[in-house]
Amino acid sequence: MGRPLYPWSWVVCTDFQCGHARAIPFAPWMIRWETDDVLDLIRRRFRCSQCGRLGAVYSTPSIRHLPQYGDGDGHLDKVVEAFPADPVRIGGQRRDGESCNGAEERNKAEYLSRFPNGDALAAFRGPSMCNLYSMTKSQRAILDLVRAMRDLAGNVPPLPAIFPDRVAPVVRTSADGVRELVMMRWGFPPPSFPGQKSARPVTNIRNTTSRHWTPWLKKPEHRCLVPVTSFAEPDNNQGPRSIWTWFAQDESRPLMFFAGIWREWEGIRGTKADPATGKHLLFSFLTTDASPDVAPNHPDATPVLLLDRGAREMWMHAPLEMALSLQRPPPAGALRIVAAGAKEDPV
């Protein structure tokens, strides 16, 4: 169906007895599914919040036509309906004993609980995931802390800004059982849909029950430790122009590790100007609910951090259920803001 012409749409439940409709911004769907073609996804996957029915039809924003001043040929300017200040419409059944006003207030409260700033479009203008981190400690510091016996990473300089699809050091267990430091490219290939164009790599893992992730999660040999000294999240309280805020354990940026997985993959990565074709080692890492230290600036998520040896060894060796118990926010006081504003950590 292609990229939508407008940034949002009215979405209507397909149950004629319900008929609930609400305004849905496309940006969250584009981010979640890593695709521009969201209309068919919404039609098939949207679940009505009123009756629970799966599936929806959509209606594009209304258009008003205005005469184009100074043009005598009858051309018209299009003025598209703005994303509504009240993005929820009640179009059908209410809960027992609930008035129309009560249903509207309840829907507003549910909406604002998801988008605290009141604007779903603004909430998704900036990145909603951890897509920027730094690693500025030496290879020797990494090897000593995780007791790795082999260094295959070459000469790794300090990396004050690691973006998706860039190469970074990762600790894994090799096929011969030796723990080693290697370079990998950040981001797994995304789930594929028929007719889907190539999409951006998937850098974060939140839904650990997804079949896209379980083949790698359940095998300890495909889990890895991603060294990090600080990570950045967009401060969504700053309006449409989010400010990068850097978090670390303290001002000295001690080493910590993301809980990651890795795989082999063959294809084309990199940019059009500098493509990397062939076999790649890829990694991604887990996220969870925002920690008490991160939530005031970025309430969406926090990377899963392994802050002590016990957590690191559990992630690398434990059965899946036990390993996934580590998918929780770090405790209050574990992180602090160490920088803000720049797209690299100015250590």
C-alpha atoms as a PDB file:
ATOM      1  CA  MET A   1       0.000   0.000   0.000  1.00  0.00           C
ATOM      2  CA  GLY A   2       2.988   2.260   0.401  1.00  0.00           C
ATOM      3  CA  ARG A   3       3.838   5.054   2.769  1.00  0.00           C
ATOM      4  CA  PRO A   4       0.782   6.881   4.203  1.00  0.00           C
ATOM      5  CA  LEU A   5       0.129  10.323   2.773  1.00  0.00           C
ATOM      6  CA  TYR A   6      -0.582  11.754   6.213  1.00  0.00           C
ATOM      7  CA  PRO A   7       1.073  11.228   9.640  1.00  0.00           C
ATOM      8  CA  TRP A   8      -2.101   9.862  11.280  1.00  0.00           C
ATOM      9  CA  SER A   9      -5.512   8.365  10.587  1.00  0.00           C
ATOM     10  CA  TRP A  10      -8.888   7.712  12.171  1.00  0.00           C
ATOM     11  CA  VAL A  11      -9.087   3.980  12.946  1.00  0.00           C
ATOM     12  CA  VAL A  12     -12.547   2.391  13.354  1.00  0.00           C
ATOM     13  CA  CYS A  13     -13.429  -0.965  14.925  1.00  0.00           C
ATOM     14  CA  THR A  14     -14.876  -3.466  12.421  1.00  0.00           C
ATOM     15  CA  ASP A  15     -17.594  -4.628  14.865  1.00  0.00           C
ATOM     16  CA  PHE A  16     -20.700  -2.728  13.749  1.00  0.00           C
ATOM     17  CA  GLN A  17     -22.146  -2.991  17.269  1.00  0.00           C
ATOM     18  CA  CYS A  18     -19.097  -1.208  18.643  1.00  0.00           C
ATOM     19  CA  GLY A  19     -17.893   1.251  16.014  1.00  0.00           C
ATOM     20  CA  HIS A  20     -15.350   2.803  18.371  1.00  0.00           C
ATOM     21  CA  ALA A  21     -12.955   5.154  16.595  1.00  0.00           C
ATOM     22  CA  ARG A  22      -9.832   6.964  17.651  1.00  0.00           C
ATOM     23  CA  ALA A  23      -7.009   8.959  16.119  1.00  0.00           C
ATOM     24  CA  ILE A  24      -3.855   6.873  15.657  1.00  0.00           C
ATOM     25  CA  PRO A  25      -0.460   8.403  14.796  1.00  0.00           C
ATOM     26  CA  PHE A  26       1.565   6.283  12.381  1.00  0.00           C
ATOM     27  CA  ALA A  27       4.933   7.005  14.000  1.00  0.00           C
ATOM     28  CA  PRO A  28       4.633   4.386  16.802  1.00  0.00           C
ATOM     29  CA  TRP A  29       3.758   1.679  14.265  1.00  0.00           C
ATOM     30  CA  MET A  30       6.656   2.689  12.018  1.00  0.00           C
ATOM     31  CA  ILE A  31       9.029   2.450  14.969  1.00  0.00           C
ATOM     32  CA  ARG A  32       7.618  -0.848  16.283  1.00  0.00           C
ATOM     33  CA  TRP A  33       7.584  -2.659  12.915  1.00  0.00           C
ATOM     34  CA  GLU A  34      10.476  -0.804  11.268  1.00  0.00           C
ATOM     35  CA  THR A  35       8.452  -0.087   8.113  1.00  0.00           C
ATOM     36  CA  ASP A  36       6.776   2.807   6.336  1.00  0.00           C
ATOM     37  CA  ASP A  37       3.890   0.608   5.126  1.00  0.00           C
ATOM     38  CA  VAL A  38       1.714   0.728   8.250  1.00  0.00           C
ATOM     39  CA  LEU A  39      -1.831   0.863   6.868  1.00  0.00           C
ATOM     40  CA  ASP A  40      -2.124  -2.861   6.197  1.00  0.00           C
ATOM     41  CA  LEU A  41      -0.516  -3.638   9.565  1.00  0.00           C
ATOM     42  CA  ILE A  42      -3.095  -1.490  11.340  1.00  0.00           C
ATOM     43  CA  ARG A  43      -5.931  -3.080   9.381  1.00  0.00           C
ATOM     44  CA  ARG A  44      -4.831  -6.587  10.410  1.00  0.00           C
ATOM     45  CA  ARG A  45      -3.287  -6.082  13.856  1.00  0.00           C
ATOM     46  CA  PHE A  46      -5.126  -3.222  15.560  1.00  0.00           C
ATOM     47  CA  ARG A  47      -7.182  -4.389  18.553  1.00  0.00           C
ATOM     48  CA  CYS A  48     -10.127  -2.247  19.685  1.00  0.00           C
ATOM     49  CA  SER A  49      -9.692  -0.930  23.221  1.00  0.00           C
ATOM     50  CA  GLN A  50     -13.458  -0.998  23.740  1.00  0.00           C
ATOM     51  CA  CYS A  51     -14.597  -4.454  22.608  1.00  0.00           C
ATOM     52  CA  GLY A  52     -11.273  -6.266  22.066  1.00  0.00           C
ATOM     53  CA  ARG A  53     -11.992  -7.174  18.438  1.00  0.00           C
ATOM     54  CA  LEU A  54      -8.934  -7.653  16.211  1.00  0.00           C
ATOM     55  CA  GLY A  55      -8.927  -5.749  12.946  1.00  0.00           C
ATOM     56  CA  ALA A  56      -9.895  -2.245  11.918  1.00  0.00           C
ATOM     57  CA  VAL A  57     -10.691  -0.018   8.998  1.00  0.00           C
ATOM     58  CA  TYR A  58      -9.090   3.378   8.660  1.00  0.00           C
ATOM     59  CA  SER A  59     -10.254   6.730   7.434  1.00  0.00           C
ATOM     60  CA  THR A  60      -7.774   9.373   6.318  1.00  0.00           C
ATOM     61  CA  PRO A  61      -8.042  12.851   7.813  1.00  0.00           C
ATOM     62  CA  SER A  62     -10.635  15.040   6.155  1.00  0.00           C
ATOM     63  CA  ILE A  63      -9.541  17.618   3.600  1.00  0.00           C
ATOM     64  CA  ARG A  64     -10.882  21.101   2.981  1.00  0.00           C
ATOM     65  CA  HIS A  65     -10.291  22.722  -0.396  1.00  0.00           C
ATOM     66  CA  LEU A  66      -9.536  26.421  -0.551  1.00  0.00           C
ATOM     67  CA  PRO A  67      -9.144  28.593  -3.661  1.00  0.00           C
ATOM     68  CA  GLN A  68      -5.543  29.262  -4.483  1.00  0.00           C
ATOM     69  CA  TYR A  69      -5.165  33.015  -4.492  1.00  0.00           C
ATOM     70  CA  GLY A  70      -3.788  34.527  -7.709  1.00  0.00           C
ATOM     71  CA  ASP A  71      -4.553  31.429  -9.801  1.00  0.00           C
ATOM     72  CA  GLY A  72      -7.349  31.795 -12.306  1.00  0.00           C
ATOM     73  CA  ASP A  73      -7.276  28.180 -13.472  1.00  0.00           C
ATOM     74  CA  GLY A  74      -9.458  26.880 -10.647  1.00  0.00           C
ATOM     75  CA  HIS A  75      -6.698  25.056  -8.798  1.00  0.00           C
ATOM     76  CA  LEU A  76      -7.383  24.295  -5.133  1.00  0.00           C
ATOM     77  CA  ASP A  77      -5.160  24.198  -2.079  1.00  0.00           C
ATOM     78  CA  LYS A  78      -5.609  21.226   0.251  1.00  0.00           C
ATOM     79  CA  VAL A  79      -5.885  21.866   3.970  1.00  0.00           C
ATOM     80  CA  VAL A  80      -5.648  18.590   5.905  1.00  0.00           C
ATOM     81  CA  GLU A  81      -7.427  18.097   9.220  1.00  0.00           C
ATOM     82  CA  ALA A  82      -4.962  18.526  12.095  1.00  0.00           C
ATOM     83  CA  PHE A  83      -4.276  15.756  14.600  1.00  0.00           C
ATOM     84  CA  PRO A  84      -7.033  16.453  17.132  1.00  0.00           C
ATOM     85  CA  ALA A  85      -6.366  18.056  20.490  1.00  0.00           C
ATOM     86  CA  ASP A  86      -8.757  15.420  21.854  1.00  0.00           C
ATOM     87  CA  PRO A  87      -7.437  12.332  20.032  1.00  0.00           C
ATOM     88  CA  VAL A  88     -10.149   9.931  21.295  1.00  0.00           C
ATOM     89  CA  ARG A  89     -13.622   9.595  19.793  1.00  0.00           C
ATOM     90  CA  ILE A  90     -16.344   7.482  21.400  1.00  0.00           C
ATOM     91  CA  GLY A  91     -18.374   5.828  18.670  1.00  0.00           C
ATOM     92  CA  GLY A  92     -20.165   2.881  20.244  1.00  0.00           C
ATOM     93  CA  GLN A  93     -20.751   0.835  23.377  1.00  0.00           C
ATOM     94  CA  ARG A  94     -19.899   2.153  26.819  1.00  0.00           C
ATOM     95  CA  ARG A  95     -19.172   0.164  29.913  1.00  0.00           C
ATOM     96  CA  ASP A  96     -22.114  -0.710  32.123  1.00  0.00           C
ATOM     97  CA  GLY A  97     -23.405   2.319  33.970  1.00  0.00           C
ATOM     98  CA  GLU A  98     -20.979   4.638  32.196  1.00  0.00           C
ATOM     99  CA  SER A  99     -22.123   7.943  30.745  1.00  0.00           C
ATOM    100  CA  CYS A 100     -20.795   9.341  27.480  1.00  0.00           C
ATOM    101  CA  ASN A 101     -18.800  11.919  29.412  1.00  0.00           C
ATOM    102  CA  GLY A 102     -17.503   9.237  31.751  1.00  0.00           C
ATOM    103  CA  ALA A 103     -16.379   7.072  28.821  1.00  0.00           C
ATOM    104  CA  GLU A 104     -14.640  10.036  27.250  1.00  0.00           C
ATOM    105  CA  GLU A 105     -12.816  10.917  30.476  1.00  0.00           C
ATOM    106  CA  ARG A 106     -11.751   7.295  30.953  1.00  0.00           C
ATOM    107  CA  ASN A 107     -10.337   7.127  27.430  1.00  0.00           C
ATOM    108  CA  LYS A 108      -8.495  10.406  27.948  1.00  0.00           C
ATOM    109  CA  ALA A 109      -6.969   9.066  31.160  1.00  0.00           C
ATOM    110  CA  GLU A 110      -5.873   5.847  29.427  1.00  0.00           C
ATOM    111  CA  TYR A 111      -4.400   7.850  26.561  1.00  0.00           C
ATOM    112  CA  LEU A 112      -2.516  10.230  28.846  1.00  0.00           C
ATOM    113  CA  SER A 113      -1.128   7.311  30.827  1.00  0.00           C
ATOM    114  CA  ARG A 114       0.556   6.161  27.601  1.00  0.00           C
ATOM    115  CA  PHE A 115       1.571   9.633  26.413  1.00  0.00           C
ATOM    116  CA  PRO A 116       2.138  11.806  29.514  1.00  0.00           C
ATOM    117  CA  ASN A 117       2.831  14.929  27.478  1.00  0.00           C
ATOM    118  CA  GLY A 118      -0.596  14.598  25.861  1.00  0.00           C
ATOM    119  CA  ASP A 119       0.636  14.366  22.281  1.00  0.00           C
ATOM    120  CA  ALA A 120       1.322  10.969  20.761  1.00  0.00           C
ATOM    121  CA  LEU A 121       2.965  12.506  17.713  1.00  0.00           C
ATOM    122  CA  ALA A 122       5.386  14.516  19.841  1.00  0.00           C
ATOM    123  CA  ALA A 123       6.112  11.471  21.996  1.00  0.00           C
ATOM    124  CA  PHE A 124       7.386   9.605  18.963  1.00  0.00           C
ATOM    125  CA  ARG A 125       9.218  12.385  17.116  1.00  0.00           C
ATOM    126  CA  GLY A 126      12.432  11.484  18.904  1.00  0.00           C
ATOM    127  CA  PRO A 127      13.954   8.006  19.301  1.00  0.00           C
ATOM    128  CA  SER A 128      12.073   5.845  21.826  1.00  0.00           C
ATOM    129  CA  MET A 129      14.835   3.296  22.338  1.00  0.00           C
ATOM    130  CA  CYS A 130      18.445   3.190  23.418  1.00  0.00           C
ATOM    131  CA  ASN A 131      20.197   3.863  20.132  1.00  0.00           C
ATOM    132  CA  LEU A 132      23.355   5.572  21.327  1.00  0.00           C
ATOM    133  CA  TYR A 133      26.016   4.550  23.831  1.00  0.00           C
ATOM    134  CA  SER A 134      29.747   4.892  24.479  1.00  0.00           C
ATOM    135  CA  MET A 135      32.613   2.564  25.341  1.00  0.00           C
ATOM    136  CA  THR A 136      35.791   4.390  26.317  1.00  0.00           C
ATOM    137  CA  LYS A 137      37.640   1.904  28.518  1.00  0.00           C
ATOM    138  CA  SER A 138      40.579  -0.199  27.317  1.00  0.00           C
ATOM    139  CA  GLN A 139      40.371  -3.708  25.937  1.00  0.00           C
ATOM    140  CA  ARG A 140      42.474  -4.903  28.872  1.00  0.00           C
ATOM    141  CA  ALA A 141      39.908  -3.510  31.316  1.00  0.00           C
ATOM    142  CA  ILE A 142      37.137  -5.455  29.542  1.00  0.00           C
ATOM    143  CA  LEU A 143      39.139  -8.683  29.375  1.00  0.00           C
ATOM    144  CA  ASP A 144      40.089  -8.530  33.044  1.00  0.00           C
ATOM    145  CA  LEU A 145      36.591  -7.731  34.295  1.00  0.00           C
ATOM    146  CA  VAL A 146      34.840 -10.558  32.433  1.00  0.00           C
ATOM    147  CA  ARG A 147      37.804 -12.960  32.602  1.00  0.00           C
ATOM    148  CA  ALA A 148      37.994 -13.337  28.827  1.00  0.00           C
ATOM    149  CA  MET A 149      40.963 -15.334  27.565  1.00  0.00           C
ATOM    150  CA  ARG A 150      41.053 -14.296  23.912  1.00  0.00           C
ATOM    151  CA  ASP A 151      41.140 -10.880  22.237  1.00  0.00           C
ATOM    152  CA  LEU A 152      40.153 -10.873  18.553  1.00  0.00           C
ATOM    153  CA  ALA A 153      38.980  -7.271  18.442  1.00  0.00           C
ATOM    154  CA  GLY A 154      42.168  -5.755  17.073  1.00  0.00           C
ATOM    155  CA  ASN A 155      43.103  -2.234  18.136  1.00  0.00           C
ATOM    156  CA  VAL A 156      39.906  -0.642  19.502  1.00  0.00           C
ATOM    157  CA  PRO A 157      40.087   3.128  20.104  1.00  0.00           C
ATOM    158  CA  PRO A 158      37.829   4.897  22.640  1.00  0.00           C
ATOM    159  CA  LEU A 159      34.311   5.033  21.218  1.00  0.00           C
ATOM    160  CA  PRO A 160      32.482   8.079  22.627  1.00  0.00           C
ATOM    161  CA  ALA A 161      29.455   7.570  20.337  1.00  0.00           C
ATOM    162  CA  ILE A 162      28.261   4.175  19.062  1.00  0.00           C
ATOM    163  CA  PHE A 163      25.244   4.377  16.765  1.00  0.00           C
ATOM    164  CA  PRO A 164      23.116   1.581  15.230  1.00  0.00           C
ATOM    165  CA  ASP A 165      24.813  -0.418  12.465  1.00  0.00           C
ATOM    166  CA  ARG A 166      28.258   0.584  13.750  1.00  0.00           C
ATOM    167  CA  VAL A 167      30.874  -1.937  14.841  1.00  0.00           C
ATOM    168  CA  ALA A 168      31.623  -2.265  18.564  1.00  0.00           C
ATOM    169  CA  PRO A 169      33.366  -4.722  20.937  1.00  0.00           C
ATOM    170  CA  VAL A 170      31.306  -7.611  22.324  1.00  0.00           C
ATOM    171  CA  VAL A 171      32.162 -10.490  24.674  1.00  0.00           C
ATOM    172  CA  ARG A 172      30.904 -13.955  23.693  1.00  0.00           C
ATOM    173  CA  THR A 173      31.666 -17.621  24.296  1.00  0.00           C
ATOM    174  CA  SER A 174      33.315 -19.135  21.221  1.00  0.00           C
ATOM    175  CA  ALA A 175      32.588 -22.564  19.753  1.00  0.00           C
ATOM    176  CA  ASP A 176      35.548 -24.046  21.659  1.00  0.00           C
ATOM    177  CA  GLY A 177      34.168 -22.724  24.955  1.00  0.00           C
ATOM    178  CA  VAL A 178      36.662 -19.868  25.370  1.00  0.00           C
ATOM    179  CA  ARG A 179      35.346 -16.438  26.352  1.00  0.00           C
ATOM    180  CA  GLU A 180      36.562 -13.898  23.801  1.00  0.00           C
ATOM    181  CA  LEU A 181      36.331 -10.251  22.799  1.00  0.00           C
ATOM    182  CA  VAL A 182      35.287  -9.677  19.175  1.00  0.00           C
ATOM    183  CA  MET A 183      33.919  -6.851  17.051  1.00  0.00           C
ATOM    184  CA  MET A 184      30.271  -7.052  15.972  1.00  0.00           C
ATOM    185  CA  ARG A 185      27.821  -4.829  14.137  1.00  0.00           C
ATOM    186  CA  TRP A 186      24.936  -3.392  16.151  1.00  0.00           C
ATOM    187  CA  GLY A 187      21.460  -4.465  15.051  1.00  0.00           C
ATOM    188  CA  PHE A 188      19.695  -7.694  14.080  1.00  0.00           C
ATOM    189  CA  PRO A 189      17.837  -7.934  10.766  1.00  0.00           C
ATOM    190  CA  PRO A 190      14.177  -6.979  11.346  1.00  0.00           C
ATOM    191  CA  PRO A 191      11.214  -9.346  10.981  1.00  0.00           C
ATOM    192  CA  SER A 192      10.253  -9.608   7.330  1.00  0.00           C
ATOM    193  CA  PHE A 193       6.817  -9.176   5.798  1.00  0.00           C
ATOM    194  CA  PRO A 194       5.757 -10.019   2.219  1.00  0.00           C
ATOM    195  CA  GLY A 195       6.546  -7.102  -0.053  1.00  0.00           C
ATOM    196  CA  GLN A 196       8.344  -5.186   2.674  1.00  0.00           C
ATOM    197  CA  LYS A 197      11.230  -2.992   1.635  1.00  0.00           C
ATOM    198  CA  SER A 198      14.504  -3.197   3.515  1.00  0.00           C
ATOM    199  CA  ALA A 199      14.197  -1.775   7.018  1.00  0.00           C
ATOM    200  CA  ARG A 200      16.537  -0.506   9.694  1.00  0.00           C
ATOM    201  CA  PRO A 201      18.322  -2.992  11.968  1.00  0.00           C
ATOM    202  CA  VAL A 202      16.606  -3.853  15.261  1.00  0.00           C
ATOM    203  CA  THR A 203      18.871  -2.662  18.050  1.00  0.00           C
ATOM    204  CA  ASN A 204      16.777  -3.349  21.170  1.00  0.00           C
ATOM    205  CA  ILE A 205      14.869  -6.386  22.454  1.00  0.00           C
ATOM    206  CA  ARG A 206      11.833  -5.772  24.669  1.00  0.00           C
ATOM    207  CA  ASN A 207       9.447  -8.627  23.847  1.00  0.00           C
ATOM    208  CA  THR A 208      11.502 -11.692  24.770  1.00  0.00           C
ATOM    209  CA  THR A 209       8.624 -14.070  23.911  1.00  0.00           C
ATOM    210  CA  SER A 210       8.755 -13.100  20.228  1.00  0.00           C
ATOM    211  CA  ARG A 211       9.769 -15.917  17.888  1.00  0.00           C
ATOM    212  CA  HIS A 212      12.115 -13.445  16.239  1.00  0.00           C
ATOM    213  CA  TRP A 213      14.290 -13.509  19.388  1.00  0.00           C
ATOM    214  CA  THR A 214      13.724 -16.847  21.162  1.00  0.00           C
ATOM    215  CA  PRO A 215      15.977 -18.967  18.881  1.00  0.00           C
ATOM    216  CA  TRP A 216      18.952 -16.902  20.087  1.00  0.00           C
ATOM    217  CA  LEU A 217      17.843 -16.155  23.632  1.00  0.00           C
ATOM    218  CA  LYS A 218      17.347 -19.777  24.608  1.00  0.00           C
ATOM    219  CA  LYS A 219      20.898 -20.746  23.597  1.00  0.00           C
ATOM    220  CA  PRO A 220      23.489 -19.559  26.156  1.00  0.00           C
ATOM    221  CA  GLU A 221      26.168 -19.725  23.463  1.00  0.00           C
ATOM    222  CA  HIS A 222      24.319 -16.938  21.594  1.00  0.00           C
ATOM    223  CA  ARG A 223      24.109 -14.613  24.581  1.00  0.00           C
ATOM    224  CA  CYS A 224      26.762 -11.959  24.925  1.00  0.00           C
ATOM    225  CA  LEU A 225      27.998  -9.083  27.064  1.00  0.00           C
ATOM    226  CA  VAL A 226      28.091  -5.641  25.444  1.00  0.00           C
ATOM    227  CA  PRO A 227      30.653  -3.366  27.183  1.00  0.00           C
ATOM    228  CA  VAL A 228      29.399   0.154  27.834  1.00  0.00           C
ATOM    229  CA  THR A 229      30.611   3.124  29.846  1.00  0.00           C
ATOM    230  CA  SER A 230      27.581   5.375  29.318  1.00  0.00           C
ATOM    231  CA  PHE A 231      24.373   5.408  27.280  1.00  0.00           C
ATOM    232  CA  ALA A 232      22.142   8.184  26.001  1.00  0.00           C
ATOM    233  CA  GLU A 233      18.378   8.555  25.999  1.00  0.00           C
ATOM    234  CA  PRO A 234      16.343  11.396  24.462  1.00  0.00           C
ATOM    235  CA  ASP A 235      14.795  13.668  27.082  1.00  0.00           C
ATOM    236  CA  ASN A 236      11.213  13.739  25.820  1.00  0.00           C
ATOM    237  CA  ASN A 237      10.256  16.470  28.285  1.00  0.00           C
ATOM    238  CA  GLN A 238      11.955  19.016  26.047  1.00  0.00           C
ATOM    239  CA  GLY A 239       9.263  19.085  23.340  1.00  0.00           C
ATOM    240  CA  PRO A 240       9.776  18.058  19.704  1.00  0.00           C
ATOM    241  CA  ARG A 241      13.554  18.658  19.841  1.00  0.00           C
ATOM    242  CA  SER A 242      14.637  16.019  22.323  1.00  0.00           C
ATOM    243  CA  ILE A 243      17.940  16.492  24.143  1.00  0.00           C
ATOM    244  CA  TRP A 244      20.333  13.560  24.439  1.00  0.00           C
ATOM    245  CA  THR A 245      20.949  12.803  28.120  1.00  0.00           C
ATOM    246  CA  TRP A 246      23.875  10.557  29.072  1.00  0.00           C
ATOM    247  CA  PHE A 247      23.687   8.100  31.978  1.00  0.00           C
ATOM    248  CA  ALA A 248      26.526   6.240  33.715  1.00  0.00           C
ATOM    249  CA  GLN A 249      27.220   4.739  37.120  1.00  0.00           C
ATOM    250  CA  ASP A 250      29.213   7.811  38.130  1.00  0.00           C
ATOM    251  CA  GLU A 251      31.407  10.535  36.664  1.00  0.00           C
ATOM    252  CA  SER A 252      34.329   8.133  36.161  1.00  0.00           C
ATOM    253  CA  ARG A 253      32.198   6.003  33.769  1.00  0.00           C
ATOM    254  CA  PRO A 254      33.071   2.559  35.165  1.00  0.00           C
ATOM    255  CA  LEU A 255      32.511  -0.418  32.877  1.00  0.00           C
ATOM    256  CA  MET A 256      29.102  -2.055  32.824  1.00  0.00           C
ATOM    257  CA  PHE A 257      27.483  -4.428  30.342  1.00  0.00           C
ATOM    258  CA  PHE A 258      24.261  -4.677  28.354  1.00  0.00           C
ATOM    259  CA  ALA A 259      22.603  -8.110  28.264  1.00  0.00           C
ATOM    260  CA  GLY A 260      22.897  -8.986  24.578  1.00  0.00           C
ATOM    261  CA  ILE A 261      22.486 -11.737  22.016  1.00  0.00           C
ATOM    262  CA  TRP A 262      24.445 -12.290  18.831  1.00  0.00           C
ATOM    263  CA  ARG A 263      24.144 -14.173  15.549  1.00  0.00           C
ATOM    264  CA  GLU A 264      25.811 -14.633  12.180  1.00  0.00           C
ATOM    265  CA  TRP A 265      24.180 -13.101   9.119  1.00  0.00           C
ATOM    266  CA  GLU A 266      25.072 -12.589   5.474  1.00  0.00           C
ATOM    267  CA  GLY A 267      23.973  -9.606   3.435  1.00  0.00           C
ATOM    268  CA  ILE A 268      24.505  -5.885   2.922  1.00  0.00           C
ATOM    269  CA  ARG A 269      24.893  -3.536   5.864  1.00  0.00           C
ATOM    270  CA  GLY A 270      26.327  -0.078   6.332  1.00  0.00           C
ATOM    271  CA  THR A 271      25.393   2.988   4.296  1.00  0.00           C
ATOM    272  CA  LYS A 272      24.884   3.535   0.574  1.00  0.00           C
ATOM    273  CA  ALA A 273      28.124   5.486   0.517  1.00  0.00           C
ATOM    274  CA  ASP A 274      30.021   2.824   2.459  1.00  0.00           C
ATOM    275  CA  PRO A 275      28.237  -0.537   2.134  1.00  0.00           C
ATOM    276  CA  ALA A 276      29.529  -3.634   3.918  1.00  0.00           C
ATOM    277  CA  THR A 277      28.693  -6.775   1.951  1.00  0.00           C
ATOM    278  CA  GLY A 278      29.279 -10.342   3.104  1.00  0.00           C
ATOM    279  CA  LYS A 279      29.147 -12.218   6.397  1.00  0.00           C
ATOM    280  CA  HIS A 280      28.571 -10.275   9.605  1.00  0.00           C
ATOM    281  CA  LEU A 281      28.483 -10.884  13.335  1.00  0.00           C
ATOM    282  CA  LEU A 282      25.454  -8.968  14.659  1.00  0.00           C
ATOM    283  CA  PHE A 283      24.319  -8.122  18.169  1.00  0.00           C
ATOM    284  CA  SER A 284      21.362  -6.522  19.908  1.00  0.00           C
ATOM    285  CA  PHE A 285      20.544  -6.074  23.592  1.00  0.00           C
ATOM    286  CA  LEU A 286      17.602  -6.223  25.969  1.00  0.00           C
ATOM    287  CA  THR A 287      15.600  -3.286  27.301  1.00  0.00           C
ATOM    288  CA  THR A 288      13.068  -3.090  30.110  1.00  0.00           C
ATOM    289  CA  ASP A 289      10.947  -0.557  31.987  1.00  0.00           C
ATOM    290  CA  ALA A 290      12.537   2.792  32.689  1.00  0.00           C
ATOM    291  CA  SER A 291      14.608   2.807  35.877  1.00  0.00           C
ATOM    292  CA  PRO A 292      13.902   5.338  38.661  1.00  0.00           C
ATOM    293  CA  ASP A 293      16.997   7.291  37.586  1.00  0.00           C
ATOM    294  CA  VAL A 294      16.119   7.391  33.875  1.00  0.00           C
ATOM    295  CA  ALA A 295      12.307   7.709  33.990  1.00  0.00           C
ATOM    296  CA  PRO A 296      12.140  11.453  34.813  1.00  0.00           C
ATOM    297  CA  ASN A 297      13.909  12.181  31.519  1.00  0.00           C
ATOM    298  CA  HIS A 298      12.895   9.184  29.418  1.00  0.00           C
ATOM    299  CA  PRO A 299       9.912   7.173  30.723  1.00  0.00           C
ATOM    300  CA  ASP A 300       9.814   4.595  27.917  1.00  0.00           C
ATOM    301  CA  ALA A 301      12.646   2.150  28.621  1.00  0.00           C
ATOM    302  CA  THR A 302      16.093   1.435  30.037  1.00  0.00           C
ATOM    303  CA  PRO A 303      18.678  -1.063  28.727  1.00  0.00           C
ATOM    304  CA  VAL A 304      19.091  -4.200  30.802  1.00  0.00           C
ATOM    305  CA  LEU A 305      22.359  -3.619  32.681  1.00  0.00           C
ATOM    306  CA  LEU A 306      24.545  -6.337  34.199  1.00  0.00           C
ATOM    307  CA  LEU A 307      26.305  -4.500  37.008  1.00  0.00           C
ATOM    308  CA  ASP A 308      28.059  -7.328  38.869  1.00  0.00           C
ATOM    309  CA  ARG A 309      29.806 -10.591  38.160  1.00  0.00           C
ATOM    310  CA  GLY A 310      26.894 -12.728  39.357  1.00  0.00           C
ATOM    311  CA  ALA A 311      24.496 -11.107  36.897  1.00  0.00           C
ATOM    312  CA  ARG A 312      26.997 -11.427  34.039  1.00  0.00           C
ATOM    313  CA  GLU A 313      27.604 -15.125  34.672  1.00  0.00           C
ATOM    314  CA  MET A 314      23.879 -15.824  35.044  1.00  0.00           C
ATOM    315  CA  TRP A 315      23.191 -14.169  31.704  1.00  0.00           C
ATOM    316  CA  MET A 316      25.928 -16.147  29.956  1.00  0.00           C
ATOM    317  CA  HIS A 317      25.155 -19.572  31.422  1.00  0.00           C
ATOM    318  CA  ALA A 318      21.726 -19.891  33.075  1.00  0.00           C
ATOM    319  CA  PRO A 319      18.606 -21.510  31.584  1.00  0.00           C
ATOM    320  CA  LEU A 320      16.391 -19.068  29.732  1.00  0.00           C
ATOM    321  CA  GLU A 321      13.785 -18.522  32.458  1.00  0.00           C
ATOM    322  CA  MET A 322      16.468 -17.704  35.019  1.00  0.00           C
ATOM    323  CA  ALA A 323      18.411 -15.518  32.576  1.00  0.00           C
ATOM    324  CA  LEU A 324      15.301 -13.495  31.717  1.00  0.00           C
ATOM    325  CA  SER A 325      14.771 -12.709  35.391  1.00  0.00           C
ATOM    326  CA  LEU A 326      17.555 -10.179  34.789  1.00  0.00           C
ATOM    327  CA  GLN A 327      15.259  -8.200  32.478  1.00  0.00           C
ATOM    328  CA  ARG A 328      14.458  -5.592  35.115  1.00  0.00           C
ATOM    329  CA  PRO A 329      15.425  -1.949  35.674  1.00  0.00           C
ATOM    330  CA  PRO A 330      18.552  -1.203  37.693  1.00  0.00           C
ATOM    331  CA  PRO A 331      17.758  -0.014  41.234  1.00  0.00           C
ATOM    332  CA  ALA A 332      17.400   3.624  42.191  1.00  0.00           C
ATOM    333  CA  GLY A 333      20.769   5.283  42.575  1.00  0.00           C
ATOM    334  CA  ALA A 334      22.584   2.899  40.223  1.00  0.00           C
ATOM    335  CA  LEU A 335      22.760   5.535  37.463  1.00  0.00           C
ATOM    336  CA  ARG A 336      23.247   9.268  37.262  1.00  0.00           C
ATOM    337  CA  ILE A 337      23.263  11.915  34.546  1.00  0.00           C
ATOM    338  CA  VAL A 338      26.845  12.634  33.488  1.00  0.00           C
ATOM    339  CA  ALA A 339      26.316  14.773  30.352  1.00  0.00           C
ATOM    340  CA  ALA A 340      23.569  16.269  28.186  1.00  0.00           C
ATOM    341  CA  GLY A 341      23.131  17.851  24.793  1.00  0.00           C
ATOM    342  CA  ALA A 342      25.874  16.275  22.680  1.00  0.00           C
ATOM    343  CA  LYS A 343      25.618  13.175  20.498  1.00  0.00           C
ATOM    344  CA  GLU A 344      28.744  11.769  22.070  1.00  0.00           C
ATOM    345  CA  ASP A 345      29.822  11.431  25.662  1.00  0.00           C
ATOM    346  CA  PRO A 346      32.402  14.194  26.222  1.00  0.00           C
ATOM    347  CA  VAL A 347      34.521  12.259  28.716  1.00  0.00           C
END
